[in-house]
Amino acid sequence: MIGNAEYQPPDIITNQGFSSPVDIWALGCIFFFLIEGRSPFADSNTMKMNMKIRQGSVEFGEKSNKASPKFKDLISKLLVVDPSARLTAADVLTHPWINSA
């Protein structure tokens, strides 16, 4: 295992395999960190952290109030538990947040 456990997607935790959707998940974690200053699933207890990841429950805090709704929408669509329902890289490039500049 290489990398930060807080950024691993549920597909890795549940042994579904490794493919490009794991990178999309990591991008969602990084974007979340940029607006919140913390990992979306951080927990000092590894079991609880893994449960949060498997549930995919992302809670934006007060720090993200200044972030655009389009950016938060993008993050939410990157952090989808089902890898087949996650945005693809091509989807990200056509997302309204990317194209609103």
PDB file of N, CA and C in Angstrom:
ATOM      1  N   MET A   1       0.843  -1.168   0.000  1.00  0.00           N
ATOM      2  CA  MET A   1       0.000   0.000   0.000  1.00  0.00           C
ATOM      3  C   MET A   1       0.893   1.237   0.000  1.00  0.00           C
ATOM      4  N   ILE A   2       0.638   2.121  -0.937  1.00  0.00           N
ATOM      5  CA  ILE A   2       1.379   3.370  -1.011  1.00  0.00           C
ATOM      6  C   ILE A   2       0.370   4.504  -0.987  1.00  0.00           C
ATOM      7  N   GLY A   3       0.697   5.565  -0.266  1.00  0.00           N
ATOM      8  CA  GLY A   3      -0.185   6.731  -0.249  1.00  0.00           C
ATOM      9  C   GLY A   3      -0.791   6.953   1.112  1.00  0.00           C
ATOM     10  N   ASN A   4      -1.646   7.952   1.181  1.00  0.00           N
ATOM     11  CA  ASN A   4      -2.293   8.333   2.423  1.00  0.00           C
ATOM     12  C   ASN A   4      -3.623   7.605   2.543  1.00  0.00           C
ATOM     13  N   ALA A   5      -3.837   6.904   3.636  1.00  0.00           N
ATOM     14  CA  ALA A   5      -5.053   6.112   3.826  1.00  0.00           C
ATOM     15  C   ALA A   5      -6.310   6.967   3.778  1.00  0.00           C
ATOM     16  N   GLU A   6      -6.223   8.241   4.143  1.00  0.00           N
ATOM     17  CA  GLU A   6      -7.392   9.119   4.127  1.00  0.00           C
ATOM     18  C   GLU A   6      -7.883   9.401   2.714  1.00  0.00           C
ATOM     19  N   TYR A   7      -7.046   9.156   1.710  1.00  0.00           N
ATOM     20  CA  TYR A   7      -7.395   9.450   0.325  1.00  0.00           C
ATOM     21  C   TYR A   7      -7.742   8.198  -0.484  1.00  0.00           C
ATOM     22  N   GLN A   8      -7.680   7.038   0.156  1.00  0.00           N
ATOM     23  CA  GLN A   8      -7.992   5.816  -0.579  1.00  0.00           C
ATOM     24  C   GLN A   8      -9.502   5.722  -0.800  1.00  0.00           C
ATOM     25  N   PRO A   9      -9.895   5.273  -1.965  1.00  0.00           N
ATOM     26  CA  PRO A   9     -11.319   5.182  -2.266  1.00  0.00           C
ATOM     27  C   PRO A   9     -11.937   3.911  -1.681  1.00  0.00           C
ATOM     28  N   PRO A  10     -13.258   3.874  -1.600  1.00  0.00           N
ATOM     29  CA  PRO A  10     -13.909   2.676  -1.072  1.00  0.00           C
ATOM     30  C   PRO A  10     -13.626   1.440  -1.915  1.00  0.00           C
ATOM     31  N   ASP A  11     -13.389   1.627  -3.228  1.00  0.00           N
ATOM     32  CA  ASP A  11     -13.114   0.452  -4.067  1.00  0.00           C
ATOM     33  C   ASP A  11     -11.820  -0.239  -3.657  1.00  0.00           C
ATOM     34  N   ILE A  12     -10.871   0.489  -3.128  1.00  0.00           N
ATOM     35  CA  ILE A  12      -9.621  -0.126  -2.646  1.00  0.00           C
ATOM     36  C   ILE A  12      -9.875  -0.806  -1.298  1.00  0.00           C
ATOM     37  N   ILE A  13     -10.602  -0.120  -0.425  1.00  0.00           N
ATOM     38  CA  ILE A  13     -10.892  -0.683   0.905  1.00  0.00           C
ATOM     39  C   ILE A  13     -11.653  -1.999   0.783  1.00  0.00           C
ATOM     40  N   THR A  14     -12.565  -2.075  -0.170  1.00  0.00           N
ATOM     41  CA  THR A  14     -13.393  -3.273  -0.325  1.00  0.00           C
ATOM     42  C   THR A  14     -12.830  -4.258  -1.354  1.00  0.00           C
ATOM     43  N   ASN A  15     -11.585  -4.055  -1.753  1.00  0.00           N
ATOM     44  CA  ASN A  15     -10.882  -4.960  -2.675  1.00  0.00           C
ATOM     45  C   ASN A  15     -11.575  -5.142  -4.021  1.00  0.00           C
ATOM     46  N   GLN A  16     -12.137  -4.059  -4.553  1.00  0.00           N
ATOM     47  CA  GLN A  16     -12.780  -4.123  -5.868  1.00  0.00           C
ATOM     48  C   GLN A  16     -11.775  -3.950  -7.001  1.00  0.00           C
ATOM     49  N   GLY A  17     -10.567  -3.615  -6.654  1.00  0.00           N
ATOM     50  CA  GLY A  17      -9.554  -3.443  -7.678  1.00  0.00           C
ATOM     51  C   GLY A  17      -9.136  -1.997  -7.847  1.00  0.00           C
ATOM     52  N   PHE A  18      -8.188  -1.813  -8.746  1.00  0.00           N
ATOM     53  CA  PHE A  18      -7.571  -0.499  -8.947  1.00  0.00           C
ATOM     54  C   PHE A  18      -7.703  -0.114 -10.401  1.00  0.00           C
ATOM     55  N   SER A  19      -8.387   0.979 -10.672  1.00  0.00           N
ATOM     56  CA  SER A  19      -8.492   1.497 -12.034  1.00  0.00           C
ATOM     57  C   SER A  19      -8.614   3.022 -11.955  1.00  0.00           C
ATOM     58  N   SER A  20      -8.832   3.656 -13.082  1.00  0.00           N
ATOM     59  CA  SER A  20      -8.804   5.129 -13.122  1.00  0.00           C
ATOM     60  C   SER A  20      -9.783   5.815 -12.170  1.00  0.00           C
ATOM     61  N   PRO A  21     -10.924   5.231 -11.803  1.00  0.00           N
ATOM     62  CA  PRO A  21     -11.791   5.924 -10.846  1.00  0.00           C
ATOM     63  C   PRO A  21     -11.128   6.221  -9.496  1.00  0.00           C
ATOM     64  N   VAL A  22     -10.088   5.468  -9.129  1.00  0.00           N
ATOM     65  CA  VAL A  22      -9.417   5.766  -7.860  1.00  0.00           C
ATOM     66  C   VAL A  22      -8.721   7.127  -7.927  1.00  0.00           C
ATOM     67  N   ASP A  23      -8.236   7.497  -9.096  1.00  0.00           N
ATOM     68  CA  ASP A  23      -7.591   8.798  -9.262  1.00  0.00           C
ATOM     69  C   ASP A  23      -8.618   9.929  -9.189  1.00  0.00           C
ATOM     70  N   ILE A  24      -9.802   9.674  -9.705  1.00  0.00           N
ATOM     71  CA  ILE A  24     -10.877  10.665  -9.635  1.00  0.00           C
ATOM     72  C   ILE A  24     -11.268  10.893  -8.175  1.00  0.00           C
ATOM     73  N   TRP A  25     -11.338   9.819  -7.411  1.00  0.00           N
ATOM     74  CA  TRP A  25     -11.635   9.920  -5.970  1.00  0.00           C
ATOM     75  C   TRP A  25     -10.566  10.778  -5.281  1.00  0.00           C
ATOM     76  N   ALA A  26      -9.313  10.500  -5.570  1.00  0.00           N
ATOM     77  CA  ALA A  26      -8.212  11.255  -4.953  1.00  0.00           C
ATOM     78  C   ALA A  26      -8.302  12.735  -5.320  1.00  0.00           C
ATOM     79  N   LEU A  27      -8.678  13.033  -6.555  1.00  0.00           N
ATOM     80  CA  LEU A  27      -8.857  14.425  -6.966  1.00  0.00           C
ATOM     81  C   LEU A  27      -9.950  15.082  -6.126  1.00  0.00           C
ATOM     82  N   GLY A  28     -11.031  14.366  -5.892  1.00  0.00           N
ATOM     83  CA  GLY A  28     -12.098  14.892  -5.033  1.00  0.00           C
ATOM     84  C   GLY A  28     -11.603  15.177  -3.625  1.00  0.00           C
ATOM     85  N   CYS A  29     -10.777  14.282  -3.084  1.00  0.00           N
ATOM     86  CA  CYS A  29     -10.202  14.490  -1.746  1.00  0.00           C
ATOM     87  C   CYS A  29      -9.304  15.723  -1.724  1.00  0.00           C
ATOM     88  N   ILE A  30      -8.502  15.892  -2.763  1.00  0.00           N
ATOM     89  CA  ILE A  30      -7.599  17.043  -2.838  1.00  0.00           C
ATOM     90  C   ILE A  30      -8.391  18.334  -2.955  1.00  0.00           C
ATOM     91  N   PHE A  31      -9.408  18.360  -3.817  1.00  0.00           N
ATOM     92  CA  PHE A  31     -10.249  19.554  -3.957  1.00  0.00           C
ATOM     93  C   PHE A  31     -10.933  19.881  -2.633  1.00  0.00           C
ATOM     94  N   PHE A  32     -11.432  18.853  -1.937  1.00  0.00           N
ATOM     95  CA  PHE A  32     -12.064  19.064  -0.634  1.00  0.00           C
ATOM     96  C   PHE A  32     -11.060  19.692   0.330  1.00  0.00           C
ATOM     97  N   PHE A  33      -9.856  19.159   0.351  1.00  0.00           N
ATOM     98  CA  PHE A  33      -8.809  19.688   1.234  1.00  0.00           C
ATOM     99  C   PHE A  33      -8.529  21.159   0.928  1.00  0.00           C
ATOM    100  N   LEU A  34      -8.563  21.524  -0.346  1.00  0.00           N
ATOM    101  CA  LEU A  34      -8.276  22.906  -0.729  1.00  0.00           C
ATOM    102  C   LEU A  34      -9.285  23.896  -0.144  1.00  0.00           C
ATOM    103  N   ILE A  35     -10.542  23.498  -0.029  1.00  0.00           N
ATOM    104  CA  ILE A  35     -11.528  24.448   0.502  1.00  0.00           C
ATOM    105  C   ILE A  35     -11.807  24.278   1.991  1.00  0.00           C
ATOM    106  N   GLU A  36     -11.509  23.114   2.540  1.00  0.00           N
ATOM    107  CA  GLU A  36     -11.785  22.867   3.953  1.00  0.00           C
ATOM    108  C   GLU A  36     -10.536  22.860   4.835  1.00  0.00           C
ATOM    109  N   GLY A  37      -9.368  22.608   4.233  1.00  0.00           N
ATOM    110  CA  GLY A  37      -8.149  22.536   5.029  1.00  0.00           C
ATOM    111  C   GLY A  37      -8.018  21.246   5.813  1.00  0.00           C
ATOM    112  N   ARG A  38      -8.789  20.253   5.425  1.00  0.00           N
ATOM    113  CA  ARG A  38      -8.753  18.941   6.089  1.00  0.00           C
ATOM    114  C   ARG A  38      -9.205  17.873   5.099  1.00  0.00           C
ATOM    115  N   SER A  39      -8.864  16.655   5.404  1.00  0.00           N
ATOM    116  CA  SER A  39      -9.293  15.529   4.591  1.00  0.00           C
ATOM    117  C   SER A  39     -10.790  15.306   4.798  1.00  0.00           C
ATOM    118  N   PRO A  40     -11.522  14.907   3.764  1.00  0.00           N
ATOM    119  CA  PRO A  40     -12.967  14.705   3.925  1.00  0.00           C
ATOM    120  C   PRO A  40     -13.335  13.549   4.847  1.00  0.00           C
ATOM    121  N   PHE A  41     -12.422  12.629   5.081  1.00  0.00           N
ATOM    122  CA  PHE A  41     -12.740  11.440   5.865  1.00  0.00           C
ATOM    123  C   PHE A  41     -11.798  11.235   7.055  1.00  0.00           C
ATOM    124  N   ALA A  42     -11.088  12.271   7.445  1.00  0.00           N
ATOM    125  CA  ALA A  42     -10.100  12.155   8.525  1.00  0.00           C
ATOM    126  C   ALA A  42     -10.743  11.663   9.818  1.00  0.00           C
ATOM    127  N   ASP A  43     -10.024  10.779  10.483  1.00  0.00           N
ATOM    128  CA  ASP A  43     -10.439  10.297  11.799  1.00  0.00           C
ATOM    129  C   ASP A  43      -9.219   9.644  12.429  1.00  0.00           C
ATOM    130  N   SER A  44      -9.035   9.854  13.705  1.00  0.00           N
ATOM    131  CA  SER A  44      -7.888   9.247  14.388  1.00  0.00           C
ATOM    132  C   SER A  44      -8.039   7.728  14.495  1.00  0.00           C
ATOM    133  N   ASN A  45      -9.256   7.241  14.393  1.00  0.00           N
ATOM    134  CA  ASN A  45      -9.538   5.812  14.438  1.00  0.00           C
ATOM    135  C   ASN A  45      -9.640   5.300  12.996  1.00  0.00           C
ATOM    136  N   THR A  46      -8.729   4.415  12.615  1.00  0.00           N
ATOM    137  CA  THR A  46      -8.678   3.903  11.244  1.00  0.00           C
ATOM    138  C   THR A  46      -9.965   3.190  10.845  1.00  0.00           C
ATOM    139  N   MET A  47     -10.555   2.438  11.751  1.00  0.00           N
ATOM    140  CA  MET A  47     -11.805   1.732  11.442  1.00  0.00           C
ATOM    141  C   MET A  47     -12.923   2.734  11.132  1.00  0.00           C
ATOM    142  N   LYS A  48     -13.011   3.783  11.941  1.00  0.00           N
ATOM    143  CA  LYS A  48     -14.041   4.805  11.702  1.00  0.00           C
ATOM    144  C   LYS A  48     -13.775   5.539  10.384  1.00  0.00           C
ATOM    145  N   MET A  49     -12.509   5.819  10.112  1.00  0.00           N
ATOM    146  CA  MET A  49     -12.149   6.493   8.861  1.00  0.00           C
ATOM    147  C   MET A  49     -12.563   5.634   7.664  1.00  0.00           C
ATOM    148  N   ASN A  50     -12.254   4.345   7.715  1.00  0.00           N
ATOM    149  CA  ASN A  50     -12.633   3.451   6.629  1.00  0.00           C
ATOM    150  C   ASN A  50     -14.151   3.367   6.467  1.00  0.00           C
ATOM    151  N   MET A  51     -14.879   3.407   7.565  1.00  0.00           N
ATOM    152  CA  MET A  51     -16.340   3.385   7.497  1.00  0.00           C
ATOM    153  C   MET A  51     -16.861   4.663   6.821  1.00  0.00           C
ATOM    154  N   LYS A  52     -16.272   5.802   7.165  1.00  0.00           N
ATOM    155  CA  LYS A  52     -16.660   7.068   6.534  1.00  0.00           C
ATOM    156  C   LYS A  52     -16.407   7.015   5.026  1.00  0.00           C
ATOM    157  N   ILE A  53     -15.272   6.457   4.664  1.00  0.00           N
ATOM    158  CA  ILE A  53     -14.926   6.347   3.240  1.00  0.00           C
ATOM    159  C   ILE A  53     -15.921   5.429   2.532  1.00  0.00           C
ATOM    160  N   ARG A  54     -16.204   4.263   3.118  1.00  0.00           N
ATOM    161  CA  ARG A  54     -17.130   3.313   2.490  1.00  0.00           C
ATOM    162  C   ARG A  54     -18.536   3.890   2.351  1.00  0.00           C
ATOM    163  N   GLN A  55     -18.929   4.754   3.292  1.00  0.00           N
ATOM    164  CA  GLN A  55     -20.244   5.389   3.221  1.00  0.00           C
ATOM    165  C   GLN A  55     -20.234   6.588   2.280  1.00  0.00           C
ATOM    166  N   GLY A  56     -19.054   7.179   2.092  1.00  0.00           N
ATOM    167  CA  GLY A  56     -18.938   8.324   1.197  1.00  0.00           C
ATOM    168  C   GLY A  56     -19.660   9.565   1.681  1.00  0.00           C
ATOM    169  N   SER A  57     -19.876   9.640   2.976  1.00  0.00           N
ATOM    170  CA  SER A  57     -20.599  10.799   3.509  1.00  0.00           C
ATOM    171  C   SER A  57     -19.635  11.976   3.685  1.00  0.00           C
ATOM    172  N   VAL A  58     -19.784  12.945   2.797  1.00  0.00           N
ATOM    173  CA  VAL A  58     -18.932  14.129   2.804  1.00  0.00           C
ATOM    174  C   VAL A  58     -19.719  15.286   3.392  1.00  0.00           C
ATOM    175  N   GLU A  59     -19.150  15.912   4.410  1.00  0.00           N
ATOM    176  CA  GLU A  59     -19.806  17.052   5.033  1.00  0.00           C
ATOM    177  C   GLU A  59     -18.923  18.281   4.880  1.00  0.00           C
ATOM    178  N   PHE A  60     -19.438  19.250   4.135  1.00  0.00           N
ATOM    179  CA  PHE A  60     -18.735  20.512   3.998  1.00  0.00           C
ATOM    180  C   PHE A  60     -18.949  21.316   5.272  1.00  0.00           C
ATOM    181  N   GLY A  61     -17.895  21.993   5.718  1.00  0.00           N
ATOM    182  CA  GLY A  61     -17.976  22.815   6.915  1.00  0.00           C
ATOM    183  C   GLY A  61     -18.067  24.288   6.581  1.00  0.00           C
ATOM    184  N   GLU A  62     -17.907  25.104   7.597  1.00  0.00           N
ATOM    185  CA  GLU A  62     -18.005  26.560   7.426  1.00  0.00           C
ATOM    186  C   GLU A  62     -16.932  27.120   6.513  1.00  0.00           C
ATOM    187  N   LYS A  63     -15.765  26.509   6.496  1.00  0.00           N
ATOM    188  CA  LYS A  63     -14.676  27.020   5.666  1.00  0.00           C
ATOM    189  C   LYS A  63     -15.035  27.018   4.193  1.00  0.00           C
ATOM    190  N   SER A  64     -15.897  26.098   3.801  1.00  0.00           N
ATOM    191  CA  SER A  64     -16.241  26.006   2.381  1.00  0.00           C
ATOM    192  C   SER A  64     -17.409  26.908   1.986  1.00  0.00           C
ATOM    193  N   ASN A  65     -17.929  27.696   2.924  1.00  0.00           N
ATOM    194  CA  ASN A  65     -19.050  28.583   2.606  1.00  0.00           C
ATOM    195  C   ASN A  65     -18.709  29.569   1.489  1.00  0.00           C
ATOM    196  N   LYS A  66     -17.448  29.931   1.370  1.00  0.00           N
ATOM    197  CA  LYS A  66     -17.039  30.879   0.337  1.00  0.00           C
ATOM    198  C   LYS A  66     -16.769  30.201  -1.002  1.00  0.00           C
ATOM    199  N   ALA A  67     -16.741  28.893  -1.015  1.00  0.00           N
ATOM    200  CA  ALA A  67     -16.518  28.151  -2.270  1.00  0.00           C
ATOM    201  C   ALA A  67     -17.791  28.193  -3.107  1.00  0.00           C
ATOM    202  N   SER A  68     -17.610  28.197  -4.406  1.00  0.00           N
ATOM    203  CA  SER A  68     -18.773  28.260  -5.281  1.00  0.00           C
ATOM    204  C   SER A  68     -19.584  26.968  -5.194  1.00  0.00           C
ATOM    205  N   PRO A  69     -20.892  27.074  -5.340  1.00  0.00           N
ATOM    206  CA  PRO A  69     -21.729  25.868  -5.349  1.00  0.00           C
ATOM    207  C   PRO A  69     -21.318  24.904  -6.469  1.00  0.00           C
ATOM    208  N   LYS A  70     -20.852  25.428  -7.587  1.00  0.00           N
ATOM    209  CA  LYS A  70     -20.416  24.567  -8.693  1.00  0.00           C
ATOM    210  C   LYS A  70     -19.192  23.744  -8.297  1.00  0.00           C
ATOM    211  N   PHE A  71     -18.276  24.357  -7.527  1.00  0.00           N
ATOM    212  CA  PHE A  71     -17.085  23.632  -7.093  1.00  0.00           C
ATOM    213  C   PHE A  71     -17.470  22.536  -6.108  1.00  0.00           C
ATOM    214  N   LYS A  72     -18.360  22.848  -5.182  1.00  0.00           N
ATOM    215  CA  LYS A  72     -18.806  21.844  -4.226  1.00  0.00           C
ATOM    216  C   LYS A  72     -19.579  20.722  -4.937  1.00  0.00           C
ATOM    217  N   ASP A  73     -20.311  21.064  -5.974  1.00  0.00           N
ATOM    218  CA  ASP A  73     -21.008  20.053  -6.764  1.00  0.00           C
ATOM    219  C   ASP A  73     -20.004  19.114  -7.432  1.00  0.00           C
ATOM    220  N   LEU A  74     -18.951  19.693  -7.994  1.00  0.00           N
ATOM    221  CA  LEU A  74     -17.911  18.869  -8.622  1.00  0.00           C
ATOM    222  C   LEU A  74     -17.299  17.921  -7.609  1.00  0.00           C
ATOM    223  N   ILE A  75     -16.946  18.430  -6.449  1.00  0.00           N
ATOM    224  CA  ILE A  75     -16.349  17.587  -5.405  1.00  0.00           C
ATOM    225  C   ILE A  75     -17.298  16.448  -5.039  1.00  0.00           C
ATOM    226  N   SER A  76     -18.564  16.761  -4.868  1.00  0.00           N
ATOM    227  CA  SER A  76     -19.545  15.734  -4.506  1.00  0.00           C
ATOM    228  C   SER A  76     -19.652  14.655  -5.577  1.00  0.00           C
ATOM    229  N   LYS A  77     -19.486  15.034  -6.837  1.00  0.00           N
ATOM    230  CA  LYS A  77     -19.582  14.060  -7.925  1.00  0.00           C
ATOM    231  C   LYS A  77     -18.293  13.268  -8.116  1.00  0.00           C
ATOM    232  N   LEU A  78     -17.198  13.748  -7.539  1.00  0.00           N
ATOM    233  CA  LEU A  78     -15.938  13.004  -7.563  1.00  0.00           C
ATOM    234  C   LEU A  78     -15.884  11.978  -6.433  1.00  0.00           C
ATOM    235  N   LEU A  79     -16.513  12.308  -5.320  1.00  0.00           N
ATOM    236  CA  LEU A  79     -16.470  11.444  -4.142  1.00  0.00           C
ATOM    237  C   LEU A  79     -17.726  10.578  -4.054  1.00  0.00           C
ATOM    238  N   VAL A  80     -17.984   9.850  -5.095  1.00  0.00           N
ATOM    239  CA  VAL A  80     -19.117   8.928  -5.164  1.00  0.00           C
ATOM    240  C   VAL A  80     -18.594   7.526  -4.874  1.00  0.00           C
ATOM    241  N   VAL A  81     -19.256   6.816  -3.975  1.00  0.00           N
ATOM    242  CA  VAL A  81     -18.788   5.499  -3.540  1.00  0.00           C
ATOM    243  C   VAL A  81     -18.692   4.510  -4.699  1.00  0.00           C
ATOM    244  N   ASP A  82     -19.693   4.456  -5.542  1.00  0.00           N
ATOM    245  CA  ASP A  82     -19.700   3.512  -6.667  1.00  0.00           C
ATOM    246  C   ASP A  82     -18.764   4.029  -7.757  1.00  0.00           C
ATOM    247  N   PRO A  83     -17.658   3.323  -8.035  1.00  0.00           N
ATOM    248  CA  PRO A  83     -16.697   3.813  -9.026  1.00  0.00           C
ATOM    249  C   PRO A  83     -17.295   3.993 -10.423  1.00  0.00           C
ATOM    250  N   SER A  84     -18.302   3.203 -10.764  1.00  0.00           N
ATOM    251  CA  SER A  84     -18.905   3.340 -12.090  1.00  0.00           C
ATOM    252  C   SER A  84     -19.803   4.572 -12.181  1.00  0.00           C
ATOM    253  N   ALA A  85     -20.188   5.134 -11.047  1.00  0.00           N
ATOM    254  CA  ALA A  85     -21.026   6.334 -11.023  1.00  0.00           C
ATOM    255  C   ALA A  85     -20.213   7.616 -10.836  1.00  0.00           C
ATOM    256  N   ARG A  86     -18.926   7.475 -10.526  1.00  0.00           N
ATOM    257  CA  ARG A  86     -18.043   8.634 -10.383  1.00  0.00           C
ATOM    258  C   ARG A  86     -17.831   9.297 -11.729  1.00  0.00           C
ATOM    259  N   LEU A  87     -17.583  10.588 -11.717  1.00  0.00           N
ATOM    260  CA  LEU A  87     -17.246  11.263 -12.960  1.00  0.00           C
ATOM    261  C   LEU A  87     -15.971  10.663 -13.543  1.00  0.00           C
ATOM    262  N   THR A  88     -15.855  10.721 -14.835  1.00  0.00           N
ATOM    263  CA  THR A  88     -14.605  10.336 -15.502  1.00  0.00           C
ATOM    264  C   THR A  88     -13.778  11.613 -15.687  1.00  0.00           C
ATOM    265  N   ALA A  89     -12.554  11.469 -16.132  1.00  0.00           N
ATOM    266  CA  ALA A  89     -11.717  12.642 -16.404  1.00  0.00           C
ATOM    267  C   ALA A  89     -12.374  13.515 -17.474  1.00  0.00           C
ATOM    268  N   ALA A  90     -12.960  12.897 -18.487  1.00  0.00           N
ATOM    269  CA  ALA A  90     -13.655  13.658 -19.538  1.00  0.00           C
ATOM    270  C   ALA A  90     -14.851  14.410 -18.963  1.00  0.00           C
ATOM    271  N   ASP A  91     -15.576  13.772 -18.033  1.00  0.00           N
ATOM    272  CA  ASP A  91     -16.705  14.436 -17.383  1.00  0.00           C
ATOM    273  C   ASP A  91     -16.241  15.654 -16.590  1.00  0.00           C
ATOM    274  N   VAL A  92     -15.114  15.506 -15.916  1.00  0.00           N
ATOM    275  CA  VAL A  92     -14.577  16.621 -15.123  1.00  0.00           C
ATOM    276  C   VAL A  92     -14.304  17.818 -16.028  1.00  0.00           C
ATOM    277  N   LEU A  93     -13.740  17.558 -17.183  1.00  0.00           N
ATOM    278  CA  LEU A  93     -13.399  18.642 -18.103  1.00  0.00           C
ATOM    279  C   LEU A  93     -14.618  19.366 -18.663  1.00  0.00           C
ATOM    280  N   THR A  94     -15.778  18.727 -18.612  1.00  0.00           N
ATOM    281  CA  THR A  94     -16.993  19.385 -19.096  1.00  0.00           C
ATOM    282  C   THR A  94     -17.887  19.881 -17.967  1.00  0.00           C
ATOM    283  N   HIS A  95     -17.440  19.717 -16.733  1.00  0.00           N
ATOM    284  CA  HIS A  95     -18.247  20.156 -15.584  1.00  0.00           C
ATOM    285  C   HIS A  95     -18.389  21.680 -15.605  1.00  0.00           C
ATOM    286  N   PRO A  96     -19.546  22.207 -15.192  1.00  0.00           N
ATOM    287  CA  PRO A  96     -19.769  23.660 -15.195  1.00  0.00           C
ATOM    288  C   PRO A  96     -18.723  24.468 -14.415  1.00  0.00           C
ATOM    289  N   TRP A  97     -18.168  23.893 -13.333  1.00  0.00           N
ATOM    290  CA  TRP A  97     -17.158  24.657 -12.579  1.00  0.00           C
ATOM    291  C   TRP A  97     -15.917  24.880 -13.436  1.00  0.00           C
ATOM    292  N   ILE A  98     -15.509  23.882 -14.181  1.00  0.00           N
ATOM    293  CA  ILE A  98     -14.332  24.008 -15.054  1.00  0.00           C
ATOM    294  C   ILE A  98     -14.619  25.008 -16.178  1.00  0.00           C
ATOM    295  N   ASN A  99     -15.808  25.003 -16.689  1.00  0.00           N
ATOM    296  CA  ASN A  99     -16.149  25.822 -17.846  1.00  0.00           C
ATOM    297  C   ASN A  99     -16.752  27.185 -17.490  1.00  0.00           C
ATOM    298  N   SER A 100     -16.797  27.521 -16.211  1.00  0.00           N
ATOM    299  CA  SER A 100     -17.421  28.798 -15.818  1.00  0.00           C
ATOM    300  C   SER A 100     -16.453  29.967 -15.807  1.00  0.00           C
ATOM    301  N   ALA A 101     -15.183  29.707 -16.020  1.00  0.00           N
ATOM    302  CA  ALA A 101     -14.191  30.801 -15.967  1.00  0.00           C
ATOM    303  C   ALA A 101     -14.179  31.629 -17.224  1.00  0.00           C
TER     304      ALA A 101
END
